[in-house]
Amino acid sequence: QVQLVESGGGLVQAGGSLRLSCAASGRTFSSYVMGWLRQAPGKERDFVSSITWIAGTTRYADSVKGRFAISRDAAKNTVYLQMNNLKPEDTAVYYCAARRNYETNFRFWGQGTQVTVSS
């Protein structure tokens, strides 16, 4: 069974940085896309970023381009989201997710980690 465990969330002032980590286990992820999504209070869950496990191809939501960077460490089976120049509107629960390359929707989810950005 796939397990995704996020860590690294917290409280930070606007303009600050955080790095989220997602430890993945349960299978080989070579044919997977790993992603980060977020959900703010009262809003739908939105896509933030994704990365293909082998090629390292990345995608970003327009709202985080130039500020966030996704990466993965295959040896550690871990995906990271480096978040710089954080804004209050980045406040949300951030979820790590995984799907197979050929799937459209993310299939596996972590429990989420809270990121709060104060103004």
N, C-alpha and C. Protein backbone atom coordinates (compact mmCIF):
# COMPACT_ATOMS: atom_id res chain seq x y z
N GLN A 1 0.83 -1.19 0.00
CA GLN A 1 0.00 0.00 0.00
C GLN A 1 0.87 1.25 0.00
N VAL A 2 0.50 2.19 -0.85
CA VAL A 2 1.27 3.42 -0.94
C VAL A 2 1.04 4.27 0.30
N GLN A 3 2.14 4.76 0.86
CA GLN A 3 2.05 5.70 1.97
C GLN A 3 2.80 6.96 1.62
N LEU A 4 2.18 8.09 1.88
CA LEU A 4 2.80 9.39 1.66
C LEU A 4 2.71 10.17 2.97
N VAL A 5 3.85 10.59 3.47
CA VAL A 5 3.89 11.28 4.75
C VAL A 5 4.56 12.63 4.58
N GLU A 6 3.79 13.69 4.78
CA GLU A 6 4.30 15.04 4.62
C GLU A 6 4.90 15.56 5.93
N SER A 7 5.82 16.48 5.79
CA SER A 7 6.37 17.17 6.94
C SER A 7 6.91 18.52 6.48
N GLY A 8 7.17 19.40 7.44
CA GLY A 8 7.80 20.67 7.11
C GLY A 8 6.90 21.88 7.14
N GLY A 9 5.62 21.69 7.38
CA GLY A 9 4.73 22.83 7.45
C GLY A 9 4.97 23.65 8.71
N GLY A 10 4.31 24.80 8.80
CA GLY A 10 4.46 25.64 9.99
C GLY A 10 3.97 27.04 9.75
N LEU A 11 4.34 27.91 10.67
CA LEU A 11 3.96 29.32 10.62
C LEU A 11 5.16 30.14 10.19
N VAL A 12 4.97 30.99 9.20
CA VAL A 12 6.06 31.83 8.70
C VAL A 12 5.51 33.19 8.33
N GLN A 13 6.36 34.21 8.43
CA GLN A 13 5.95 35.54 8.02
C GLN A 13 5.98 35.69 6.51
N ALA A 14 5.19 36.60 6.00
CA ALA A 14 5.20 36.88 4.57
C ALA A 14 6.62 37.21 4.12
N GLY A 15 6.99 36.66 2.97
CA GLY A 15 8.34 36.83 2.46
C GLY A 15 9.29 35.73 2.89
N GLY A 16 8.87 34.91 3.83
CA GLY A 16 9.72 33.83 4.31
C GLY A 16 9.66 32.60 3.44
N SER A 17 10.35 31.55 3.91
CA SER A 17 10.47 30.31 3.15
C SER A 17 10.16 29.11 4.03
N LEU A 18 9.70 28.06 3.39
CA LEU A 18 9.51 26.76 4.02
C LEU A 18 9.84 25.69 2.99
N ARG A 19 10.27 24.53 3.47
CA ARG A 19 10.45 23.39 2.59
C ARG A 19 9.61 22.24 3.12
N LEU A 20 8.71 21.78 2.27
CA LEU A 20 7.89 20.62 2.60
C LEU A 20 8.56 19.36 2.07
N SER A 21 8.40 18.28 2.81
CA SER A 21 8.92 16.99 2.39
C SER A 21 7.78 15.98 2.35
N CYS A 22 7.90 15.03 1.43
CA CYS A 22 6.92 13.95 1.32
C CYS A 22 7.69 12.64 1.18
N ALA A 23 7.64 11.84 2.21
CA ALA A 23 8.30 10.53 2.19
C ALA A 23 7.33 9.51 1.63
N ALA A 24 7.72 8.87 0.53
CA ALA A 24 6.85 7.92 -0.16
C ALA A 24 7.34 6.49 0.06
N SER A 25 6.42 5.58 0.26
CA SER A 25 6.78 4.18 0.46
C SER A 25 5.65 3.29 -0.04
N GLY A 26 5.96 2.02 -0.17
CA GLY A 26 4.93 1.06 -0.52
C GLY A 26 5.04 0.46 -1.91
N ARG A 27 5.81 1.10 -2.77
CA ARG A 27 6.01 0.54 -4.10
C ARG A 27 7.11 1.33 -4.80
N THR A 28 7.45 0.89 -6.00
CA THR A 28 8.41 1.61 -6.83
C THR A 28 7.67 2.72 -7.56
N PHE A 29 8.20 3.93 -7.51
CA PHE A 29 7.49 5.08 -8.05
C PHE A 29 8.01 5.53 -9.42
N SER A 30 8.75 4.67 -10.09
CA SER A 30 9.36 5.06 -11.35
C SER A 30 8.34 5.44 -12.41
N SER A 31 7.13 4.90 -12.34
CA SER A 31 6.12 5.22 -13.35
C SER A 31 5.05 6.17 -12.79
N TYR A 32 5.42 6.91 -11.81
CA TYR A 32 4.47 7.79 -11.13
C TYR A 32 4.79 9.26 -11.35
N VAL A 33 3.73 10.06 -11.18
CA VAL A 33 3.84 11.51 -11.07
C VAL A 33 3.53 11.87 -9.63
N MET A 34 4.41 12.65 -9.03
CA MET A 34 4.22 13.08 -7.65
C MET A 34 3.78 14.55 -7.66
N GLY A 35 2.87 14.88 -6.78
CA GLY A 35 2.36 16.25 -6.82
C GLY A 35 2.12 16.83 -5.44
N TRP A 36 1.99 18.14 -5.44
CA TRP A 36 1.57 18.88 -4.26
C TRP A 36 0.29 19.65 -4.63
N LEU A 37 -0.68 19.53 -3.76
CA LEU A 37 -1.92 20.28 -3.90
C LEU A 37 -2.20 20.94 -2.57
N ARG A 38 -3.04 21.97 -2.57
CA ARG A 38 -3.33 22.66 -1.33
C ARG A 38 -4.80 23.02 -1.24
N GLN A 39 -5.25 23.14 0.00
CA GLN A 39 -6.64 23.48 0.24
C GLN A 39 -6.72 24.52 1.34
N ALA A 40 -7.21 25.70 0.97
CA ALA A 40 -7.41 26.77 1.93
C ALA A 40 -8.81 26.63 2.55
N PRO A 41 -9.03 27.19 3.73
CA PRO A 41 -10.34 27.09 4.38
C PRO A 41 -11.46 27.59 3.48
N GLY A 42 -12.49 26.77 3.33
CA GLY A 42 -13.64 27.16 2.54
C GLY A 42 -13.45 27.10 1.04
N LYS A 43 -12.30 26.58 0.60
CA LYS A 43 -12.01 26.53 -0.84
C LYS A 43 -11.76 25.09 -1.28
N GLU A 44 -11.78 24.91 -2.58
CA GLU A 44 -11.49 23.59 -3.14
C GLU A 44 -10.00 23.32 -3.11
N ARG A 45 -9.67 22.05 -3.22
CA ARG A 45 -8.26 21.66 -3.28
C ARG A 45 -7.72 22.03 -4.66
N ASP A 46 -6.60 22.74 -4.68
CA ASP A 46 -6.01 23.23 -5.93
C ASP A 46 -4.64 22.61 -6.19
N PHE A 47 -4.35 22.45 -7.45
CA PHE A 47 -3.04 21.97 -7.87
C PHE A 47 -1.99 23.03 -7.61
N VAL A 48 -0.83 22.60 -7.11
CA VAL A 48 0.30 23.49 -6.88
C VAL A 48 1.46 23.16 -7.82
N SER A 49 1.87 21.89 -7.80
CA SER A 49 3.04 21.51 -8.59
C SER A 49 3.09 20.00 -8.72
N SER A 50 3.79 19.53 -9.76
CA SER A 50 4.00 18.09 -9.92
C SER A 50 5.34 17.84 -10.58
N ILE A 51 5.79 16.59 -10.44
CA ILE A 51 7.07 16.18 -11.02
C ILE A 51 6.98 14.71 -11.41
N THR A 52 7.50 14.38 -12.58
CA THR A 52 7.57 12.97 -12.97
C THR A 52 8.80 12.35 -12.32
N TRP A 53 8.63 11.11 -11.86
CA TRP A 53 9.67 10.53 -11.02
C TRP A 53 10.97 10.31 -11.78
N ILE A 54 10.90 9.79 -13.00
CA ILE A 54 12.12 9.45 -13.73
C ILE A 54 12.71 10.68 -14.43
N ALA A 55 11.92 11.32 -15.27
CA ALA A 55 12.44 12.42 -16.08
C ALA A 55 12.58 13.72 -15.30
N GLY A 56 11.83 13.85 -14.23
CA GLY A 56 11.90 15.09 -13.46
C GLY A 56 11.20 16.25 -14.12
N THR A 57 10.26 15.98 -15.00
CA THR A 57 9.50 17.04 -15.65
C THR A 57 8.57 17.69 -14.64
N THR A 58 8.61 19.01 -14.58
CA THR A 58 7.85 19.73 -13.56
C THR A 58 6.73 20.58 -14.16
N ARG A 59 5.72 20.80 -13.36
CA ARG A 59 4.62 21.71 -13.69
C ARG A 59 4.30 22.53 -12.46
N TYR A 60 3.84 23.76 -12.69
CA TYR A 60 3.49 24.64 -11.59
C TYR A 60 2.20 25.39 -11.88
N ALA A 61 1.45 25.66 -10.84
CA ALA A 61 0.33 26.58 -10.96
C ALA A 61 0.89 27.98 -11.20
N ASP A 62 0.14 28.78 -11.95
CA ASP A 62 0.62 30.14 -12.25
C ASP A 62 0.87 30.94 -10.98
N SER A 63 0.09 30.68 -9.95
CA SER A 63 0.19 31.46 -8.72
C SER A 63 1.49 31.23 -7.95
N VAL A 64 2.21 30.15 -8.27
CA VAL A 64 3.43 29.85 -7.51
C VAL A 64 4.68 29.84 -8.39
N LYS A 65 4.51 30.02 -9.69
CA LYS A 65 5.67 30.03 -10.59
C LYS A 65 6.68 31.09 -10.17
N GLY A 66 7.92 30.69 -10.15
CA GLY A 66 8.98 31.61 -9.78
C GLY A 66 9.21 31.70 -8.28
N ARG A 67 8.32 31.14 -7.50
CA ARG A 67 8.47 31.18 -6.03
C ARG A 67 8.66 29.78 -5.44
N PHE A 68 8.00 28.79 -6.01
CA PHE A 68 8.05 27.41 -5.50
C PHE A 68 8.89 26.56 -6.45
N ALA A 69 9.53 25.55 -5.89
CA ALA A 69 10.31 24.61 -6.69
C ALA A 69 10.09 23.20 -6.15
N ILE A 70 9.70 22.30 -7.04
CA ILE A 70 9.51 20.90 -6.67
C ILE A 70 10.73 20.09 -7.10
N SER A 71 11.08 19.11 -6.30
CA SER A 71 12.21 18.25 -6.63
C SER A 71 11.99 16.89 -5.99
N ARG A 72 12.80 15.91 -6.40
CA ARG A 72 12.69 14.60 -5.76
C ARG A 72 14.08 14.00 -5.60
N ASP A 73 14.18 13.19 -4.57
CA ASP A 73 15.41 12.46 -4.28
C ASP A 73 15.06 10.98 -4.37
N ALA A 74 15.45 10.36 -5.47
CA ALA A 74 15.06 8.97 -5.70
C ALA A 74 15.66 8.04 -4.66
N ALA A 75 16.86 8.33 -4.21
CA ALA A 75 17.52 7.47 -3.23
C ALA A 75 16.76 7.46 -1.90
N LYS A 76 16.13 8.59 -1.59
CA LYS A 76 15.39 8.69 -0.33
C LYS A 76 13.89 8.51 -0.52
N ASN A 77 13.46 8.31 -1.77
CA ASN A 77 12.03 8.20 -2.07
C ASN A 77 11.26 9.38 -1.48
N THR A 78 11.79 10.55 -1.67
CA THR A 78 11.21 11.75 -1.06
C THR A 78 11.04 12.85 -2.11
N VAL A 79 9.93 13.54 -2.00
CA VAL A 79 9.64 14.68 -2.86
C VAL A 79 9.62 15.93 -1.99
N TYR A 80 10.14 17.01 -2.54
CA TYR A 80 10.24 18.25 -1.78
C TYR A 80 9.48 19.37 -2.50
N LEU A 81 9.03 20.32 -1.72
CA LEU A 81 8.47 21.55 -2.27
C LEU A 81 9.12 22.71 -1.53
N GLN A 82 10.04 23.37 -2.21
CA GLN A 82 10.68 24.55 -1.64
C GLN A 82 9.80 25.76 -1.95
N MET A 83 9.39 26.44 -0.90
CA MET A 83 8.47 27.57 -1.05
C MET A 83 9.17 28.84 -0.57
N ASN A 84 9.39 29.77 -1.49
CA ASN A 84 10.05 31.03 -1.18
C ASN A 84 9.09 32.19 -1.38
N ASN A 85 9.44 33.31 -0.79
CA ASN A 85 8.64 34.53 -0.91
C ASN A 85 7.16 34.23 -0.65
N LEU A 86 6.90 33.57 0.46
CA LEU A 86 5.54 33.16 0.78
C LEU A 86 4.63 34.35 1.02
N LYS A 87 3.38 34.17 0.63
CA LYS A 87 2.37 35.22 0.76
C LYS A 87 1.23 34.71 1.64
N PRO A 88 0.49 35.60 2.26
CA PRO A 88 -0.65 35.14 3.09
C PRO A 88 -1.62 34.26 2.31
N GLU A 89 -1.76 34.50 1.03
CA GLU A 89 -2.68 33.67 0.23
C GLU A 89 -2.16 32.27 -0.03
N ASP A 90 -0.93 31.99 0.37
CA ASP A 90 -0.40 30.62 0.29
C ASP A 90 -0.83 29.78 1.49
N THR A 91 -1.47 30.41 2.47
CA THR A 91 -1.93 29.68 3.65
C THR A 91 -2.93 28.60 3.25
N ALA A 92 -2.64 27.37 3.65
CA ALA A 92 -3.48 26.23 3.27
C ALA A 92 -2.92 24.96 3.91
N VAL A 93 -3.69 23.91 3.81
CA VAL A 93 -3.16 22.58 4.09
C VAL A 93 -2.58 22.05 2.78
N TYR A 94 -1.35 21.64 2.83
CA TYR A 94 -0.65 21.14 1.65
C TYR A 94 -0.61 19.61 1.68
N TYR A 95 -1.02 19.03 0.57
CA TYR A 95 -1.09 17.58 0.46
C TYR A 95 -0.11 17.08 -0.59
N CYS A 96 0.57 16.01 -0.24
CA CYS A 96 1.37 15.27 -1.21
C CYS A 96 0.47 14.23 -1.86
N ALA A 97 0.65 14.00 -3.15
CA ALA A 97 -0.19 13.05 -3.86
C ALA A 97 0.61 12.33 -4.93
N ALA A 98 0.08 11.19 -5.37
CA ALA A 98 0.75 10.40 -6.38
C ALA A 98 -0.26 9.80 -7.33
N ARG A 99 0.14 9.69 -8.59
CA ARG A 99 -0.69 9.01 -9.58
C ARG A 99 0.24 8.36 -10.59
N ARG A 100 -0.26 7.35 -11.26
CA ARG A 100 0.52 6.74 -12.33
C ARG A 100 0.58 7.69 -13.52
N ASN A 101 1.61 7.55 -14.32
CA ASN A 101 1.83 8.47 -15.45
C ASN A 101 0.62 8.60 -16.35
N TYR A 102 -0.11 7.48 -16.54
CA TYR A 102 -1.21 7.48 -17.51
C TYR A 102 -2.54 7.90 -16.89
N GLU A 103 -2.55 8.13 -15.59
CA GLU A 103 -3.79 8.53 -14.93
C GLU A 103 -3.95 10.04 -14.94
N THR A 104 -5.20 10.48 -14.83
CA THR A 104 -5.48 11.92 -14.82
C THR A 104 -5.52 12.46 -13.40
N ASN A 105 -6.18 11.72 -12.55
CA ASN A 105 -6.39 12.19 -11.17
C ASN A 105 -5.39 11.53 -10.22
N PHE A 106 -5.02 12.28 -9.21
CA PHE A 106 -4.14 11.73 -8.20
C PHE A 106 -4.90 10.66 -7.41
N ARG A 107 -4.22 9.56 -7.17
CA ARG A 107 -4.85 8.38 -6.58
C ARG A 107 -4.53 8.23 -5.10
N PHE A 108 -3.30 8.58 -4.75
CA PHE A 108 -2.84 8.38 -3.38
C PHE A 108 -2.55 9.74 -2.75
N TRP A 109 -2.87 9.84 -1.45
CA TRP A 109 -2.77 11.12 -0.77
C TRP A 109 -2.10 10.97 0.60
N GLY A 110 -1.37 11.99 0.99
CA GLY A 110 -0.88 12.07 2.35
C GLY A 110 -1.93 12.71 3.24
N GLN A 111 -1.55 12.87 4.50
CA GLN A 111 -2.51 13.39 5.48
C GLN A 111 -2.57 14.92 5.49
N GLY A 112 -1.59 15.54 4.87
CA GLY A 112 -1.58 17.00 4.79
C GLY A 112 -0.74 17.64 5.87
N THR A 113 -0.19 18.81 5.54
CA THR A 113 0.57 19.59 6.51
C THR A 113 0.16 21.05 6.39
N GLN A 114 -0.04 21.70 7.53
CA GLN A 114 -0.54 23.07 7.53
C GLN A 114 0.59 24.07 7.29
N VAL A 115 0.34 24.98 6.38
CA VAL A 115 1.24 26.11 6.15
C VAL A 115 0.44 27.38 6.40
N THR A 116 0.95 28.20 7.30
CA THR A 116 0.29 29.46 7.63
C THR A 116 1.27 30.60 7.42
N VAL A 117 0.87 31.57 6.61
CA VAL A 117 1.72 32.70 6.31
C VAL A 117 1.06 33.95 6.89
N SER A 118 1.74 34.59 7.82
CA SER A 118 1.20 35.79 8.45
C SER A 118 1.66 37.05 7.72
N SER A 119 0.82 38.04 7.72
CA SER A 119 1.16 39.29 7.02
C SER A 119 1.89 40.26 7.93
